[in-house]
Amino acid sequence: MSDSNKTNFTNPSTFILLGIPGLEAAHIGISISFCAMYTIAILGNFTILFIVKTEPSLHGPMYYFLSMLAVTDLVLSTSTVPKMLSIFWFNSREIDFSACLTQMYFIHSFFVMESGIFVAMAFDRYVAICHPLRYSTILTNPLVAKIGLAVVLRGIMVVLPYPFLARQWPYCRTNIIPHSYCEYIAVVKLACGDTRVSSYYGLFVVLCVRGLDMIFISASYTQILRAIFILPTKDARLKTLGTCSSHLCAILSFYIPALFSSLTHRFGQNVPLHFHVLIANVYLLVPPMLNPIIYGVRTKLIRDRLLRLFTHKRI
């Protein structure tokens, strides 16, 4: 390691991102996988947005929330993957200090927004199944707009302390981040002051924001399952449960890797570093890739619109 990386400095002008430490020999192969997932995410989410915009029958609460999810996925993946690929392909490891904090803010802010969108979608499914006759009167366009605004503002405000906390610490150890992007805890660990406030706040966001979201989603699905099980026939139960399958698959692909990554970062001292980084990449790359596939395959209206689109082009 060069001496320049060991000198004392309060705020470094740049950080050095290592990519995936310990797997440098596999960077090219990993980058091809990441590039393929990013391409699928971009094409898939733009397709969802195009279909919802051009199909009047999809102008409803569920599809408005799905559009918000698509936009969030586009920002999440685009805020990380281009820099990752530049590290893997061109060895472009430097990132400006302010750019690093900006990337950190966008990643965590939109991650909180995506979690909030899943709560909103769970509420949509709850109203649709438990109160079907009142669906259109409860989930009006003004209410959907207010829910969307609340989700966005929460993501902006909850994560706003992250860059300010990270900027105030002196970085006197090193400016090398053993990660492929500017993850909050990875940056805080470089600081040489008392960073307990940053660590505790990060844990607060994980437990109280994501944790509460998971509780709200679980409560919604508890009511949904109760409503499903009192339906008179098995076919009716399966058909109603099928309307939730896309949402359930998306929730699992989002929360399981994210929760696992957060907990291993804080409590898994014996877990190899490259495994930490890989999992952290998975929870930012896999959901944006899978969500448009899940909703495109499982949602009949979107699937039918896609088929008509491709059939029309062939004609």
C-alpha atoms as a PDB file:
ATOM      1  CA  MET A   1       0.000   0.000   0.000  1.00  0.00           C
ATOM      2  CA  SER A   2       1.376   3.405  -0.921  1.00  0.00           C
ATOM      3  CA  ASP A   3       2.335   6.003   1.666  1.00  0.00           C
ATOM      4  CA  SER A   4      -0.243   8.411   0.274  1.00  0.00           C
ATOM      5  CA  ASN A   5      -2.950   6.104   1.500  1.00  0.00           C
ATOM      6  CA  LYS A   6      -1.547   6.142   5.057  1.00  0.00           C
ATOM      7  CA  THR A   7      -1.000   9.847   5.555  1.00  0.00           C
ATOM      8  CA  ASN A   8      -3.181  11.812   7.957  1.00  0.00           C
ATOM      9  CA  PHE A   9      -6.042  13.745   6.398  1.00  0.00           C
ATOM     10  CA  THR A  10      -9.366  15.048   7.677  1.00  0.00           C
ATOM     11  CA  ASN A  11     -11.333  14.658   4.454  1.00  0.00           C
ATOM     12  CA  PRO A  12      -9.605  12.857   1.568  1.00  0.00           C
ATOM     13  CA  SER A  13     -10.062  14.266  -1.890  1.00  0.00           C
ATOM     14  CA  THR A  14     -10.709  10.771  -3.230  1.00  0.00           C
ATOM     15  CA  PHE A  15     -11.494   7.271  -2.071  1.00  0.00           C
ATOM     16  CA  ILE A  16     -10.168   4.100  -3.676  1.00  0.00           C
ATOM     17  CA  LEU A  17     -12.727   1.347  -4.350  1.00  0.00           C
ATOM     18  CA  LEU A  18     -11.187  -2.130  -4.470  1.00  0.00           C
ATOM     19  CA  GLY A  19     -14.096  -3.904  -6.178  1.00  0.00           C
ATOM     20  CA  ILE A  20     -14.456  -7.337  -4.586  1.00  0.00           C
ATOM     21  CA  PRO A  21     -11.320  -7.919  -2.463  1.00  0.00           C
ATOM     22  CA  GLY A  22     -10.005 -11.457  -2.705  1.00  0.00           C
ATOM     23  CA  LEU A  23     -11.735 -12.153  -6.010  1.00  0.00           C
ATOM     24  CA  GLU A  24      -9.641  -9.913  -8.260  1.00  0.00           C
ATOM     25  CA  ALA A  25      -8.903 -12.823 -10.614  1.00  0.00           C
ATOM     26  CA  ALA A  26     -12.638 -13.294 -11.147  1.00  0.00           C
ATOM     27  CA  HIS A  27     -13.456  -9.610 -11.717  1.00  0.00           C
ATOM     28  CA  ILE A  28     -13.932  -9.992 -15.478  1.00  0.00           C
ATOM     29  CA  GLY A  29     -16.279 -12.938 -15.130  1.00  0.00           C
ATOM     30  CA  ILE A  30     -18.215 -11.229 -12.337  1.00  0.00           C
ATOM     31  CA  SER A  31     -18.430  -8.029 -14.368  1.00  0.00           C
ATOM     32  CA  ILE A  32     -20.008  -9.873 -17.307  1.00  0.00           C
ATOM     33  CA  SER A  33     -22.703 -11.215 -14.966  1.00  0.00           C
ATOM     34  CA  PHE A  34     -23.254  -7.765 -13.461  1.00  0.00           C
ATOM     35  CA  CYS A  35     -23.439  -6.177 -16.908  1.00  0.00           C
ATOM     36  CA  ALA A  36     -26.008  -8.759 -18.063  1.00  0.00           C
ATOM     37  CA  MET A  37     -28.141  -8.197 -14.929  1.00  0.00           C
ATOM     38  CA  TYR A  38     -27.926  -4.424 -15.381  1.00  0.00           C
ATOM     39  CA  THR A  39     -28.953  -4.659 -19.037  1.00  0.00           C
ATOM     40  CA  ILE A  40     -31.948  -6.830 -18.140  1.00  0.00           C
ATOM     41  CA  ALA A  41     -32.880  -4.404 -15.344  1.00  0.00           C
ATOM     42  CA  ILE A  42     -32.721  -1.371 -17.643  1.00  0.00           C
ATOM     43  CA  LEU A  43     -34.694  -2.991 -20.485  1.00  0.00           C
ATOM     44  CA  GLY A  44     -37.213  -4.639 -18.173  1.00  0.00           C
ATOM     45  CA  ASN A  45     -38.009  -1.593 -16.057  1.00  0.00           C
ATOM     46  CA  PHE A  46     -38.250   0.762 -19.025  1.00  0.00           C
ATOM     47  CA  THR A  47     -40.597  -1.770 -20.630  1.00  0.00           C
ATOM     48  CA  ILE A  48     -42.796  -1.778 -17.505  1.00  0.00           C
ATOM     49  CA  LEU A  49     -42.905   2.029 -17.539  1.00  0.00           C
ATOM     50  CA  PHE A  50     -43.748   2.105 -21.258  1.00  0.00           C
ATOM     51  CA  ILE A  51     -46.534  -0.457 -20.920  1.00  0.00           C
ATOM     52  CA  VAL A  52     -48.137   1.243 -17.911  1.00  0.00           C
ATOM     53  CA  LYS A  53     -47.975   4.631 -19.647  1.00  0.00           C
ATOM     54  CA  THR A  54     -49.442   3.476 -22.968  1.00  0.00           C
ATOM     55  CA  GLU A  55     -52.095   1.034 -21.706  1.00  0.00           C
ATOM     56  CA  PRO A  56     -55.151   2.869 -20.248  1.00  0.00           C
ATOM     57  CA  SER A  57     -56.376  -0.283 -18.475  1.00  0.00           C
ATOM     58  CA  LEU A  58     -53.214  -0.189 -16.348  1.00  0.00           C
ATOM     59  CA  HIS A  59     -53.865   3.322 -15.036  1.00  0.00           C
ATOM     60  CA  GLY A  60     -54.701   2.188 -11.513  1.00  0.00           C
ATOM     61  CA  PRO A  61     -53.153   2.200  -8.023  1.00  0.00           C
ATOM     62  CA  MET A  62     -51.351  -1.156  -8.318  1.00  0.00           C
ATOM     63  CA  TYR A  63     -49.648  -0.147 -11.558  1.00  0.00           C
ATOM     64  CA  TYR A  64     -48.807   3.346 -10.334  1.00  0.00           C
ATOM     65  CA  PHE A  65     -46.946   1.727  -7.433  1.00  0.00           C
ATOM     66  CA  LEU A  66     -45.323  -0.686  -9.895  1.00  0.00           C
ATOM     67  CA  SER A  67     -44.122   2.293 -11.956  1.00  0.00           C
ATOM     68  CA  MET A  68     -42.625   3.843  -8.841  1.00  0.00           C
ATOM     69  CA  LEU A  69     -40.881   0.537  -8.164  1.00  0.00           C
ATOM     70  CA  ALA A  70     -39.478   0.505 -11.712  1.00  0.00           C
ATOM     71  CA  VAL A  71     -38.107   4.053 -11.385  1.00  0.00           C
ATOM     72  CA  THR A  72     -36.545   3.210  -8.018  1.00  0.00           C
ATOM     73  CA  ASP A  73     -34.923   0.086  -9.457  1.00  0.00           C
ATOM     74  CA  LEU A  74     -33.503   2.086 -12.361  1.00  0.00           C
ATOM     75  CA  VAL A  75     -31.919   4.622  -9.988  1.00  0.00           C
ATOM     76  CA  LEU A  76     -30.591   1.944  -7.613  1.00  0.00           C
ATOM     77  CA  SER A  77     -28.871  -0.049 -10.332  1.00  0.00           C
ATOM     78  CA  THR A  78     -27.616   2.980 -12.295  1.00  0.00           C
ATOM     79  CA  SER A  79     -26.101   4.587  -9.199  1.00  0.00           C
ATOM     80  CA  THR A  80     -23.813   1.588  -8.678  1.00  0.00           C
ATOM     81  CA  VAL A  81     -23.258  -0.601 -11.743  1.00  0.00           C
ATOM     82  CA  PRO A  82     -21.490   1.849 -14.124  1.00  0.00           C
ATOM     83  CA  LYS A  83     -18.830   2.594 -11.490  1.00  0.00           C
ATOM     84  CA  MET A  84     -18.492  -1.114 -10.665  1.00  0.00           C
ATOM     85  CA  LEU A  85     -17.906  -1.946 -14.331  1.00  0.00           C
ATOM     86  CA  SER A  86     -15.328   0.830 -14.657  1.00  0.00           C
ATOM     87  CA  ILE A  87     -13.466  -0.744 -11.712  1.00  0.00           C
ATOM     88  CA  PHE A  88     -13.617  -4.241 -13.183  1.00  0.00           C
ATOM     89  CA  TRP A  89     -12.889  -3.330 -16.808  1.00  0.00           C
ATOM     90  CA  PHE A  90     -10.670  -0.226 -16.683  1.00  0.00           C
ATOM     91  CA  ASN A  91      -9.232  -0.414 -13.155  1.00  0.00           C
ATOM     92  CA  SER A  92     -10.799   3.017 -12.522  1.00  0.00           C
ATOM     93  CA  ARG A  93     -10.840   2.731  -8.748  1.00  0.00           C
ATOM     94  CA  GLU A  94     -10.776   6.370  -7.679  1.00  0.00           C
ATOM     95  CA  ILE A  95     -13.966   8.161  -6.701  1.00  0.00           C
ATOM     96  CA  ASP A  96     -14.180  11.762  -5.549  1.00  0.00           C
ATOM     97  CA  PHE A  97     -15.021  12.205  -1.843  1.00  0.00           C
ATOM     98  CA  SER A  98     -18.198  14.188  -2.586  1.00  0.00           C
ATOM     99  CA  ALA A  99     -19.179  11.777  -5.372  1.00  0.00           C
ATOM    100  CA  CYS A 100     -18.755   8.889  -2.933  1.00  0.00           C
ATOM    101  CA  LEU A 101     -21.070  10.526  -0.392  1.00  0.00           C
ATOM    102  CA  THR A 102     -23.569  11.315  -3.169  1.00  0.00           C
ATOM    103  CA  GLN A 103     -23.546   7.708  -4.348  1.00  0.00           C
ATOM    104  CA  MET A 104     -23.975   6.552  -0.751  1.00  0.00           C
ATOM    105  CA  TYR A 105     -26.984   8.848  -0.306  1.00  0.00           C
ATOM    106  CA  PHE A 106     -28.698   7.762  -3.524  1.00  0.00           C
ATOM    107  CA  ILE A 107     -28.203   4.063  -2.809  1.00  0.00           C
ATOM    108  CA  HIS A 108     -29.582   4.135   0.716  1.00  0.00           C
ATOM    109  CA  SER A 109     -32.278   6.720   0.033  1.00  0.00           C
ATOM    110  CA  PHE A 110     -33.766   4.816  -2.891  1.00  0.00           C
ATOM    111  CA  PHE A 111     -33.405   1.562  -1.002  1.00  0.00           C
ATOM    112  CA  VAL A 112     -35.615   2.998   1.762  1.00  0.00           C
ATOM    113  CA  MET A 113     -38.028   4.261  -0.910  1.00  0.00           C
ATOM    114  CA  GLU A 114     -38.245   0.803  -2.465  1.00  0.00           C
ATOM    115  CA  SER A 115     -39.030  -0.705   0.923  1.00  0.00           C
ATOM    116  CA  GLY A 116     -41.808   1.864   1.350  1.00  0.00           C
ATOM    117  CA  ILE A 117     -43.197   1.046  -2.090  1.00  0.00           C
ATOM    118  CA  PHE A 118     -43.509  -2.607  -1.091  1.00  0.00           C
ATOM    119  CA  VAL A 119     -45.514  -1.508   1.951  1.00  0.00           C
ATOM    120  CA  ALA A 120     -47.777   0.562  -0.311  1.00  0.00           C
ATOM    121  CA  MET A 121     -48.230  -2.411  -2.657  1.00  0.00           C
ATOM    122  CA  ALA A 122     -49.084  -4.660   0.305  1.00  0.00           C
ATOM    123  CA  PHE A 123     -51.730  -2.117   1.359  1.00  0.00           C
ATOM    124  CA  ASP A 124     -53.075  -2.136  -2.207  1.00  0.00           C
ATOM    125  CA  ARG A 125     -53.407  -5.949  -2.133  1.00  0.00           C
ATOM    126  CA  TYR A 126     -55.033  -5.781   1.324  1.00  0.00           C
ATOM    127  CA  VAL A 127     -57.715  -3.351   0.137  1.00  0.00           C
ATOM    128  CA  ALA A 128     -58.256  -5.266  -3.136  1.00  0.00           C
ATOM    129  CA  ILE A 129     -58.805  -8.613  -1.366  1.00  0.00           C
ATOM    130  CA  CYS A 130     -60.301  -7.652   2.007  1.00  0.00           C
ATOM    131  CA  HIS A 131     -62.436  -4.716   0.800  1.00  0.00           C
ATOM    132  CA  PRO A 132     -62.962  -5.306  -2.941  1.00  0.00           C
ATOM    133  CA  LEU A 133     -66.231  -3.360  -3.198  1.00  0.00           C
ATOM    134  CA  ARG A 134     -64.611  -0.276  -1.672  1.00  0.00           C
ATOM    135  CA  TYR A 135     -61.305  -0.527  -3.556  1.00  0.00           C
ATOM    136  CA  SER A 136     -61.925   2.362  -5.946  1.00  0.00           C
ATOM    137  CA  THR A 137     -63.314   4.606  -3.213  1.00  0.00           C
ATOM    138  CA  ILE A 138     -60.450   3.916  -0.778  1.00  0.00           C
ATOM    139  CA  LEU A 139     -57.474   3.952  -3.151  1.00  0.00           C
ATOM    140  CA  THR A 140     -58.308   7.107  -5.062  1.00  0.00           C
ATOM    141  CA  ASN A 141     -55.718   8.868  -7.223  1.00  0.00           C
ATOM    142  CA  PRO A 142     -55.201  11.646  -4.621  1.00  0.00           C
ATOM    143  CA  LEU A 143     -54.532   9.048  -1.904  1.00  0.00           C
ATOM    144  CA  VAL A 144     -52.120   7.158  -4.173  1.00  0.00           C
ATOM    145  CA  ALA A 145     -50.289  10.437  -4.855  1.00  0.00           C
ATOM    146  CA  LYS A 146     -50.080  11.176  -1.106  1.00  0.00           C
ATOM    147  CA  ILE A 147     -48.752   7.671  -0.385  1.00  0.00           C
ATOM    148  CA  GLY A 148     -46.163   8.050  -3.150  1.00  0.00           C
ATOM    149  CA  LEU A 149     -45.099  11.463  -1.839  1.00  0.00           C
ATOM    150  CA  ALA A 150     -44.816  10.089   1.716  1.00  0.00           C
ATOM    151  CA  VAL A 151     -42.638   7.204   0.481  1.00  0.00           C
ATOM    152  CA  VAL A 152     -40.309   9.586  -1.378  1.00  0.00           C
ATOM    153  CA  LEU A 153     -40.058  12.103   1.482  1.00  0.00           C
ATOM    154  CA  ARG A 154     -39.344   9.339   3.997  1.00  0.00           C
ATOM    155  CA  GLY A 155     -36.505   8.017   1.837  1.00  0.00           C
ATOM    156  CA  ILE A 156     -35.050  11.514   1.461  1.00  0.00           C
ATOM    157  CA  MET A 157     -35.290  12.486   5.128  1.00  0.00           C
ATOM    158  CA  VAL A 158     -34.324   9.208   6.845  1.00  0.00           C
ATOM    159  CA  VAL A 159     -31.061   8.876   4.903  1.00  0.00           C
ATOM    160  CA  LEU A 160     -30.211  12.589   4.904  1.00  0.00           C
ATOM    161  CA  PRO A 161     -27.978  12.270   8.027  1.00  0.00           C
ATOM    162  CA  TYR A 162     -25.774   9.647   6.320  1.00  0.00           C
ATOM    163  CA  PRO A 163     -23.573  11.978   4.218  1.00  0.00           C
ATOM    164  CA  PHE A 164     -23.432  14.611   6.972  1.00  0.00           C
ATOM    165  CA  LEU A 165     -22.329  12.062   9.555  1.00  0.00           C
ATOM    166  CA  ALA A 166     -19.797  10.565   7.145  1.00  0.00           C
ATOM    167  CA  ARG A 167     -18.410  14.003   6.236  1.00  0.00           C
ATOM    168  CA  GLN A 168     -17.773  15.097   9.824  1.00  0.00           C
ATOM    169  CA  TRP A 169     -15.417  12.235  10.745  1.00  0.00           C
ATOM    170  CA  PRO A 170     -11.632  12.513  10.250  1.00  0.00           C
ATOM    171  CA  TYR A 171     -10.245   9.807   7.924  1.00  0.00           C
ATOM    172  CA  CYS A 172      -6.714   9.351   9.210  1.00  0.00           C
ATOM    173  CA  ARG A 173      -6.225   5.616   8.575  1.00  0.00           C
ATOM    174  CA  THR A 174      -6.673   5.059   4.859  1.00  0.00           C
ATOM    175  CA  ASN A 175      -8.839   6.152   1.949  1.00  0.00           C
ATOM    176  CA  ILE A 176      -9.164   2.618   0.570  1.00  0.00           C
ATOM    177  CA  ILE A 177     -12.703   1.206   0.681  1.00  0.00           C
ATOM    178  CA  PRO A 178     -12.723  -2.621   0.429  1.00  0.00           C
ATOM    179  CA  HIS A 179     -15.966  -2.549  -1.536  1.00  0.00           C
ATOM    180  CA  SER A 180     -17.311  -2.063  -5.061  1.00  0.00           C
ATOM    181  CA  TYR A 181     -19.360   1.025  -4.152  1.00  0.00           C
ATOM    182  CA  CYS A 182     -19.618   3.562  -1.331  1.00  0.00           C
ATOM    183  CA  GLU A 183     -21.639   1.591   1.189  1.00  0.00           C
ATOM    184  CA  TYR A 184     -22.365   3.549   4.375  1.00  0.00           C
ATOM    185  CA  ILE A 185     -20.885   1.170   6.961  1.00  0.00           C
ATOM    186  CA  ALA A 186     -17.838   0.481   4.753  1.00  0.00           C
ATOM    187  CA  VAL A 187     -17.101   4.231   4.637  1.00  0.00           C
ATOM    188  CA  VAL A 188     -17.745   4.785   8.360  1.00  0.00           C
ATOM    189  CA  LYS A 189     -15.289   2.004   9.236  1.00  0.00           C
ATOM    190  CA  LEU A 190     -12.478   4.085   7.681  1.00  0.00           C
ATOM    191  CA  ALA A 191     -13.008   6.948  10.118  1.00  0.00           C
ATOM    192  CA  CYS A 192     -10.680   7.190  13.101  1.00  0.00           C
ATOM    193  CA  GLY A 193     -12.977   9.113  15.459  1.00  0.00           C
ATOM    194  CA  ASP A 194     -15.784   7.837  17.670  1.00  0.00           C
ATOM    195  CA  THR A 195     -18.284   6.642  15.049  1.00  0.00           C
ATOM    196  CA  ARG A 196     -20.796   5.077  17.403  1.00  0.00           C
ATOM    197  CA  VAL A 197     -23.437   7.661  16.445  1.00  0.00           C
ATOM    198  CA  SER A 198     -23.101   6.692  12.776  1.00  0.00           C
ATOM    199  CA  SER A 199     -23.186   2.983  13.575  1.00  0.00           C
ATOM    200  CA  TYR A 200     -26.204   3.308  15.852  1.00  0.00           C
ATOM    201  CA  TYR A 201     -28.080   5.435  13.335  1.00  0.00           C
ATOM    202  CA  GLY A 202     -27.348   2.937  10.573  1.00  0.00           C
ATOM    203  CA  LEU A 203     -28.670   0.162  12.797  1.00  0.00           C
ATOM    204  CA  PHE A 204     -31.725   2.297  13.601  1.00  0.00           C
ATOM    205  CA  VAL A 205     -32.504   2.626   9.890  1.00  0.00           C
ATOM    206  CA  VAL A 206     -32.151  -1.124   9.372  1.00  0.00           C
ATOM    207  CA  LEU A 207     -34.285  -2.147  12.346  1.00  0.00           C
ATOM    208  CA  CYS A 208     -36.826   0.651  12.640  1.00  0.00           C
ATOM    209  CA  VAL A 209     -37.365   1.496   8.972  1.00  0.00           C
ATOM    210  CA  ARG A 210     -36.954  -1.834   7.192  1.00  0.00           C
ATOM    211  CA  GLY A 211     -38.115  -3.728  10.285  1.00  0.00           C
ATOM    212  CA  LEU A 212     -41.312  -1.679  10.597  1.00  0.00           C
ATOM    213  CA  ASP A 213     -41.934  -2.045   6.873  1.00  0.00           C
ATOM    214  CA  MET A 214     -41.679  -5.816   7.190  1.00  0.00           C
ATOM    215  CA  ILE A 215     -44.081  -5.739  10.146  1.00  0.00           C
ATOM    216  CA  PHE A 216     -46.625  -3.697   8.155  1.00  0.00           C
ATOM    217  CA  ILE A 217     -46.292  -6.051   5.188  1.00  0.00           C
ATOM    218  CA  SER A 218     -46.703  -9.090   7.458  1.00  0.00           C
ATOM    219  CA  ALA A 219     -49.794  -7.533   9.067  1.00  0.00           C
ATOM    220  CA  SER A 220     -51.315  -6.868   5.630  1.00  0.00           C
ATOM    221  CA  TYR A 221     -50.711 -10.423   4.490  1.00  0.00           C
ATOM    222  CA  THR A 222     -52.059 -11.853   7.735  1.00  0.00           C
ATOM    223  CA  GLN A 223     -55.362 -10.127   6.970  1.00  0.00           C
ATOM    224  CA  ILE A 224     -55.149 -11.154   3.320  1.00  0.00           C
ATOM    225  CA  LEU A 225     -54.625 -14.831   4.204  1.00  0.00           C
ATOM    226  CA  ARG A 226     -57.518 -14.722   6.652  1.00  0.00           C
ATOM    227  CA  ALA A 227     -59.748 -13.349   3.902  1.00  0.00           C
ATOM    228  CA  ILE A 228     -58.520 -15.973   1.418  1.00  0.00           C
ATOM    229  CA  PHE A 229     -59.078 -18.949   3.725  1.00  0.00           C
ATOM    230  CA  ILE A 230     -62.739 -18.084   4.284  1.00  0.00           C
ATOM    231  CA  LEU A 231     -63.474 -18.166   0.533  1.00  0.00           C
ATOM    232  CA  PRO A 232     -65.874 -21.008  -0.305  1.00  0.00           C
ATOM    233  CA  THR A 233     -63.912 -22.923  -2.965  1.00  0.00           C
ATOM    234  CA  LYS A 234     -60.329 -24.008  -3.498  1.00  0.00           C
ATOM    235  CA  ASP A 235     -60.243 -22.449  -6.979  1.00  0.00           C
ATOM    236  CA  ALA A 236     -61.330 -19.094  -5.573  1.00  0.00           C
ATOM    237  CA  ARG A 237     -58.649 -19.284  -2.906  1.00  0.00           C
ATOM    238  CA  LEU A 238     -55.913 -20.153  -5.404  1.00  0.00           C
ATOM    239  CA  LYS A 239     -57.025 -17.467  -7.850  1.00  0.00           C
ATOM    240  CA  THR A 240     -57.062 -14.789  -5.154  1.00  0.00           C
ATOM    241  CA  LEU A 241     -53.706 -15.900  -3.769  1.00  0.00           C
ATOM    242  CA  GLY A 242     -52.318 -15.777  -7.307  1.00  0.00           C
ATOM    243  CA  THR A 243     -52.981 -12.032  -7.444  1.00  0.00           C
ATOM    244  CA  CYS A 244     -50.450 -11.627  -4.602  1.00  0.00           C
ATOM    245  CA  SER A 245     -47.787 -14.000  -5.913  1.00  0.00           C
ATOM    246  CA  SER A 246     -45.857 -11.357  -7.864  1.00  0.00           C
ATOM    247  CA  HIS A 247     -45.688  -9.074  -4.856  1.00  0.00           C
ATOM    248  CA  LEU A 248     -44.607 -11.888  -2.534  1.00  0.00           C
ATOM    249  CA  CYS A 249     -41.812 -12.994  -4.890  1.00  0.00           C
ATOM    250  CA  ALA A 250     -40.560  -9.405  -5.243  1.00  0.00           C
ATOM    251  CA  ILE A 251     -40.615  -8.904  -1.456  1.00  0.00           C
ATOM    252  CA  LEU A 252     -38.590 -12.053  -0.839  1.00  0.00           C
ATOM    253  CA  SER A 253     -35.975 -11.167  -3.478  1.00  0.00           C
ATOM    254  CA  PHE A 254     -35.629  -7.704  -1.938  1.00  0.00           C
ATOM    255  CA  TYR A 255     -35.659  -8.233   1.824  1.00  0.00           C
ATOM    256  CA  ILE A 256     -33.823 -11.539   2.293  1.00  0.00           C
ATOM    257  CA  PRO A 257     -30.444 -10.538   0.721  1.00  0.00           C
ATOM    258  CA  ALA A 258     -30.667  -6.999   2.164  1.00  0.00           C
ATOM    259  CA  LEU A 259     -31.393  -8.152   5.697  1.00  0.00           C
ATOM    260  CA  PHE A 260     -28.734 -10.856   5.494  1.00  0.00           C
ATOM    261  CA  SER A 261     -26.159  -8.340   4.238  1.00  0.00           C
ATOM    262  CA  SER A 262     -26.958  -5.795   6.962  1.00  0.00           C
ATOM    263  CA  LEU A 263     -26.759  -8.342   9.766  1.00  0.00           C
ATOM    264  CA  THR A 264     -23.558 -10.021   8.548  1.00  0.00           C
ATOM    265  CA  HIS A 265     -21.936  -6.590   8.141  1.00  0.00           C
ATOM    266  CA  ARG A 266     -22.547  -5.827  11.804  1.00  0.00           C
ATOM    267  CA  PHE A 267     -22.397  -9.209  13.493  1.00  0.00           C
ATOM    268  CA  GLY A 268     -20.609 -11.585  11.090  1.00  0.00           C
ATOM    269  CA  GLN A 269     -16.993 -10.891  11.977  1.00  0.00           C
ATOM    270  CA  ASN A 270     -15.936 -14.345  10.776  1.00  0.00           C
ATOM    271  CA  VAL A 271     -17.618 -14.043   7.380  1.00  0.00           C
ATOM    272  CA  PRO A 272     -15.062 -13.515   4.548  1.00  0.00           C
ATOM    273  CA  LEU A 273     -14.909  -9.956   3.211  1.00  0.00           C
ATOM    274  CA  HIS A 274     -15.544 -10.973  -0.391  1.00  0.00           C
ATOM    275  CA  PHE A 275     -18.756 -12.693   0.721  1.00  0.00           C
ATOM    276  CA  HIS A 276     -19.924  -9.454   2.406  1.00  0.00           C
ATOM    277  CA  VAL A 277     -19.297  -7.499  -0.775  1.00  0.00           C
ATOM    278  CA  LEU A 278     -20.922 -10.082  -3.058  1.00  0.00           C
ATOM    279  CA  ILE A 279     -24.091 -10.154  -0.950  1.00  0.00           C
ATOM    280  CA  ALA A 280     -24.157  -6.344  -0.880  1.00  0.00           C
ATOM    281  CA  ASN A 281     -23.989  -6.360  -4.683  1.00  0.00           C
ATOM    282  CA  VAL A 282     -26.675  -9.027  -4.942  1.00  0.00           C
ATOM    283  CA  TYR A 283     -29.263  -7.026  -3.010  1.00  0.00           C
ATOM    284  CA  LEU A 284     -28.708  -4.018  -5.298  1.00  0.00           C
ATOM    285  CA  LEU A 285     -28.588  -5.928  -8.591  1.00  0.00           C
ATOM    286  CA  VAL A 286     -30.953  -8.881  -8.317  1.00  0.00           C
ATOM    287  CA  PRO A 287     -34.241  -7.139  -7.337  1.00  0.00           C
ATOM    288  CA  PRO A 288     -34.059  -4.536 -10.169  1.00  0.00           C
ATOM    289  CA  MET A 289     -33.446  -7.402 -12.602  1.00  0.00           C
ATOM    290  CA  LEU A 290     -36.114  -9.755 -11.195  1.00  0.00           C
ATOM    291  CA  ASN A 291     -38.955  -7.304 -10.513  1.00  0.00           C
ATOM    292  CA  PRO A 292     -39.895  -6.596 -14.166  1.00  0.00           C
ATOM    293  CA  ILE A 293     -39.557 -10.311 -14.965  1.00  0.00           C
ATOM    294  CA  ILE A 294     -41.748 -11.312 -12.018  1.00  0.00           C
ATOM    295  CA  TYR A 295     -44.452  -8.757 -12.781  1.00  0.00           C
ATOM    296  CA  GLY A 296     -44.212  -9.303 -16.539  1.00  0.00           C
ATOM    297  CA  VAL A 297     -44.702 -13.060 -16.199  1.00  0.00           C
ATOM    298  CA  ARG A 298     -47.155 -13.174 -13.273  1.00  0.00           C
ATOM    299  CA  THR A 299     -49.385 -10.163 -14.051  1.00  0.00           C
ATOM    300  CA  LYS A 300     -51.892 -11.055 -16.763  1.00  0.00           C
ATOM    301  CA  LEU A 301     -52.614  -7.510 -17.972  1.00  0.00           C
ATOM    302  CA  ILE A 302     -48.902  -6.734 -18.424  1.00  0.00           C
ATOM    303  CA  ARG A 303     -48.250 -10.128 -20.024  1.00  0.00           C
ATOM    304  CA  ASP A 304     -51.129  -9.677 -22.479  1.00  0.00           C
ATOM    305  CA  ARG A 305     -49.990  -6.154 -23.369  1.00  0.00           C
ATOM    306  CA  LEU A 306     -46.464  -7.437 -24.025  1.00  0.00           C
ATOM    307  CA  LEU A 307     -47.787 -10.200 -26.269  1.00  0.00           C
ATOM    308  CA  ARG A 308     -49.905  -7.720 -28.225  1.00  0.00           C
ATOM    309  CA  LEU A 309     -46.900  -5.412 -28.561  1.00  0.00           C
ATOM    310  CA  PHE A 310     -44.644  -8.126 -30.005  1.00  0.00           C
ATOM    311  CA  THR A 311     -47.410  -9.594 -32.175  1.00  0.00           C
ATOM    312  CA  HIS A 312     -48.162  -6.170 -33.638  1.00  0.00           C
ATOM    313  CA  LYS A 313     -44.485  -5.610 -34.436  1.00  0.00           C
ATOM    314  CA  ARG A 314     -44.264  -8.934 -36.256  1.00  0.00           C
ATOM    315  CA  ILE A 315     -47.330  -8.092 -38.337  1.00  0.00           C
END
